[in-house]
Amino acid sequence: MKRCYEEIPELSDYKRPWEITADAGRIVGMIANSLSGPDYRIDGNAAIHKTAVVEKGAVLKDAAIIGKGSFVAAGVYIRGGVYLGKGVTLGPGCEVNRVLYSGDRGSLI
């Protein structure tokens, strides 16, 4: 959990991983709201890094953060609060629900 707290300091109030996933939508929404600026564009409930690619046909239903250099293919379905860190790739037809993934460090939070 230590790496999780370093990557996403907002998680420090949570002691158990299942508490984080249960509250993922609120956590990701709170973080996404703080990411306005030149590096992120806000699209509905999603904050998408300027270097990330989200293909047409991907569905970002709930709060989501798509990190630097990440790729979300057409047909991906994101819901429930999803944090994708640096360099994450989601292939076509993938469904992701309540996941916090740090990306280049390779940790699923």
C-alpha atoms as a PDB file:
ATOM      1  CA  MET A   1       0.000   0.000   0.000  1.00  0.00           C
ATOM      2  CA  LYS A   2       2.961   2.337   0.515  1.00  0.00           C
ATOM      3  CA  ARG A   3       3.414   2.824  -3.246  1.00  0.00           C
ATOM      4  CA  CYS A   4      -0.301   3.508  -3.574  1.00  0.00           C
ATOM      5  CA  TYR A   5      -0.073   6.338  -1.064  1.00  0.00           C
ATOM      6  CA  GLU A   6       2.949   7.811  -2.864  1.00  0.00           C
ATOM      7  CA  GLU A   7       1.176   7.732  -6.230  1.00  0.00           C
ATOM      8  CA  ILE A   8      -2.181   8.956  -4.917  1.00  0.00           C
ATOM      9  CA  PRO A   9      -1.827  10.760  -1.559  1.00  0.00           C
ATOM     10  CA  GLU A  10      -5.626  11.037  -1.289  1.00  0.00           C
ATOM     11  CA  LEU A  11      -5.664   7.328  -0.400  1.00  0.00           C
ATOM     12  CA  SER A  12      -3.846   7.815   2.900  1.00  0.00           C
ATOM     13  CA  ASP A  13      -7.134   7.766   4.867  1.00  0.00           C
ATOM     14  CA  TYR A  14      -7.830   4.209   3.678  1.00  0.00           C
ATOM     15  CA  LYS A  15      -6.255   1.266   5.502  1.00  0.00           C
ATOM     16  CA  ARG A  16      -7.682  -1.659   3.507  1.00  0.00           C
ATOM     17  CA  PRO A  17      -7.669  -2.134  -0.294  1.00  0.00           C
ATOM     18  CA  TRP A  18     -11.355  -3.104  -0.402  1.00  0.00           C
ATOM     19  CA  GLU A  19     -12.238   0.249   1.176  1.00  0.00           C
ATOM     20  CA  ILE A  20     -10.509   1.975  -1.738  1.00  0.00           C
ATOM     21  CA  THR A  21     -12.308   0.012  -4.445  1.00  0.00           C
ATOM     22  CA  ALA A  22     -15.656   0.462  -2.705  1.00  0.00           C
ATOM     23  CA  ASP A  23     -15.124   4.243  -2.750  1.00  0.00           C
ATOM     24  CA  ALA A  24     -13.292   4.443  -6.102  1.00  0.00           C
ATOM     25  CA  GLY A  25     -15.894   6.622  -7.827  1.00  0.00           C
ATOM     26  CA  ARG A  26     -15.703   9.329  -5.177  1.00  0.00           C
ATOM     27  CA  ILE A  27     -11.899   9.154  -4.909  1.00  0.00           C
ATOM     28  CA  VAL A  28     -11.320   9.366  -8.662  1.00  0.00           C
ATOM     29  CA  GLY A  29     -13.918  12.123  -9.045  1.00  0.00           C
ATOM     30  CA  MET A  30     -12.242  14.188  -6.337  1.00  0.00           C
ATOM     31  CA  ILE A  31      -8.798  13.786  -7.932  1.00  0.00           C
ATOM     32  CA  ALA A  32     -10.135  14.444 -11.458  1.00  0.00           C
ATOM     33  CA  ASN A  33     -11.692  17.729 -10.332  1.00  0.00           C
ATOM     34  CA  SER A  34      -8.272  18.940  -9.210  1.00  0.00           C
ATOM     35  CA  LEU A  35      -6.542  18.175 -12.540  1.00  0.00           C
ATOM     36  CA  SER A  36      -7.685  21.131 -14.601  1.00  0.00           C
ATOM     37  CA  GLY A  37      -4.880  22.982 -16.320  1.00  0.00           C
ATOM     38  CA  PRO A  38      -2.642  22.647 -19.343  1.00  0.00           C
ATOM     39  CA  ASP A  39      -1.815  18.953 -18.876  1.00  0.00           C
ATOM     40  CA  TYR A  40      -5.375  17.589 -18.593  1.00  0.00           C
ATOM     41  CA  ARG A  41      -8.572  18.199 -20.471  1.00  0.00           C
ATOM     42  CA  ILE A  42     -11.874  17.586 -18.759  1.00  0.00           C
ATOM     43  CA  ASP A  43     -14.409  15.601 -20.762  1.00  0.00           C
ATOM     44  CA  GLY A  44     -17.576  15.050 -18.721  1.00  0.00           C
ATOM     45  CA  ASN A  45     -16.473  13.172 -15.598  1.00  0.00           C
ATOM     46  CA  ALA A  46     -13.073  12.281 -17.055  1.00  0.00           C
ATOM     47  CA  ALA A  47      -9.714  14.024 -16.824  1.00  0.00           C
ATOM     48  CA  ILE A  48      -7.597  12.977 -19.818  1.00  0.00           C
ATOM     49  CA  HIS A  49      -3.903  13.796 -20.074  1.00  0.00           C
ATOM     50  CA  LYS A  50      -2.900  15.732 -23.188  1.00  0.00           C
ATOM     51  CA  THR A  51      -0.639  12.851 -24.314  1.00  0.00           C
ATOM     52  CA  ALA A  52      -3.254  10.134 -23.743  1.00  0.00           C
ATOM     53  CA  VAL A  53      -5.340   8.719 -26.578  1.00  0.00           C
ATOM     54  CA  VAL A  54      -8.981   7.768 -26.102  1.00  0.00           C
ATOM     55  CA  GLU A  55     -10.366   6.351 -29.328  1.00  0.00           C
ATOM     56  CA  LYS A  56     -13.824   7.141 -30.617  1.00  0.00           C
ATOM     57  CA  GLY A  57     -16.228   4.520 -29.338  1.00  0.00           C
ATOM     58  CA  ALA A  58     -14.671   4.172 -25.884  1.00  0.00           C
ATOM     59  CA  VAL A  59     -17.209   4.752 -23.096  1.00  0.00           C
ATOM     60  CA  LEU A  60     -16.125   6.615 -19.961  1.00  0.00           C
ATOM     61  CA  LYS A  61     -19.314   6.353 -17.936  1.00  0.00           C
ATOM     62  CA  ASP A  62     -18.229   7.482 -14.493  1.00  0.00           C
ATOM     63  CA  ALA A  63     -15.318   9.391 -12.983  1.00  0.00           C
ATOM     64  CA  ALA A  64     -12.063   8.515 -14.732  1.00  0.00           C
ATOM     65  CA  ILE A  65      -8.487   9.730 -14.972  1.00  0.00           C
ATOM     66  CA  ILE A  66      -6.493   8.714 -18.028  1.00  0.00           C
ATOM     67  CA  GLY A  67      -2.805   9.344 -17.358  1.00  0.00           C
ATOM     68  CA  LYS A  68       0.161  10.468 -19.413  1.00  0.00           C
ATOM     69  CA  GLY A  69       0.785   8.375 -22.516  1.00  0.00           C
ATOM     70  CA  SER A  70      -2.092   5.995 -21.831  1.00  0.00           C
ATOM     71  CA  PHE A  71      -4.192   4.467 -24.595  1.00  0.00           C
ATOM     72  CA  VAL A  72      -7.882   3.552 -24.412  1.00  0.00           C
ATOM     73  CA  ALA A  73      -9.100   1.668 -27.498  1.00  0.00           C
ATOM     74  CA  ALA A  74     -12.510   1.809 -29.148  1.00  0.00           C
ATOM     75  CA  GLY A  75     -15.012  -0.433 -27.395  1.00  0.00           C
ATOM     76  CA  VAL A  76     -13.490  -0.011 -23.930  1.00  0.00           C
ATOM     77  CA  TYR A  77     -16.072   0.498 -21.167  1.00  0.00           C
ATOM     78  CA  ILE A  78     -14.903   2.372 -18.055  1.00  0.00           C
ATOM     79  CA  ARG A  79     -17.223   2.693 -15.065  1.00  0.00           C
ATOM     80  CA  GLY A  80     -17.327   2.959 -11.294  1.00  0.00           C
ATOM     81  CA  GLY A  81     -14.282   5.198 -10.862  1.00  0.00           C
ATOM     82  CA  VAL A  82     -11.080   4.340 -12.732  1.00  0.00           C
ATOM     83  CA  TYR A  83      -7.575   5.791 -12.359  1.00  0.00           C
ATOM     84  CA  LEU A  84      -5.106   4.843 -15.094  1.00  0.00           C
ATOM     85  CA  GLY A  85      -1.592   6.082 -14.435  1.00  0.00           C
ATOM     86  CA  LYS A  86       1.248   6.619 -16.882  1.00  0.00           C
ATOM     87  CA  GLY A  87       1.446   4.452 -19.999  1.00  0.00           C
ATOM     88  CA  VAL A  88      -1.532   2.146 -19.440  1.00  0.00           C
ATOM     89  CA  THR A  89      -3.066   0.434 -22.489  1.00  0.00           C
ATOM     90  CA  LEU A  90      -6.633  -0.864 -22.538  1.00  0.00           C
ATOM     91  CA  GLY A  91      -7.380  -2.962 -25.609  1.00  0.00           C
ATOM     92  CA  PRO A  92     -10.626  -3.169 -27.578  1.00  0.00           C
ATOM     93  CA  GLY A  93     -13.644  -4.559 -25.772  1.00  0.00           C
ATOM     94  CA  CYS A  94     -12.113  -4.283 -22.292  1.00  0.00           C
ATOM     95  CA  GLU A  95     -14.377  -3.387 -19.351  1.00  0.00           C
ATOM     96  CA  VAL A  96     -12.789  -1.720 -16.320  1.00  0.00           C
ATOM     97  CA  ASN A  97     -14.721  -1.115 -13.114  1.00  0.00           C
ATOM     98  CA  ARG A  98     -13.458   0.507  -9.895  1.00  0.00           C
ATOM     99  CA  VAL A  99      -9.735   0.152 -10.597  1.00  0.00           C
ATOM    100  CA  LEU A 100      -6.791   2.320  -9.643  1.00  0.00           C
ATOM    101  CA  TYR A 101      -3.721   1.332 -11.668  1.00  0.00           C
ATOM    102  CA  SER A 102      -0.486   3.244 -11.379  1.00  0.00           C
ATOM    103  CA  GLY A 103       0.812   2.266 -14.806  1.00  0.00           C
ATOM    104  CA  ASP A 104       4.564   2.500 -15.268  1.00  0.00           C
ATOM    105  CA  ARG A 105       5.179   1.076 -11.806  1.00  0.00           C
ATOM    106  CA  GLY A 106       2.917  -1.815 -12.612  1.00  0.00           C
ATOM    107  CA  SER A 107       0.845  -1.725  -9.459  1.00  0.00           C
ATOM    108  CA  LEU A 108      -2.809  -2.413  -9.305  1.00  0.00           C
ATOM    109  CA  ILE A 109      -4.139  -0.387  -6.409  1.00  0.00           C
END
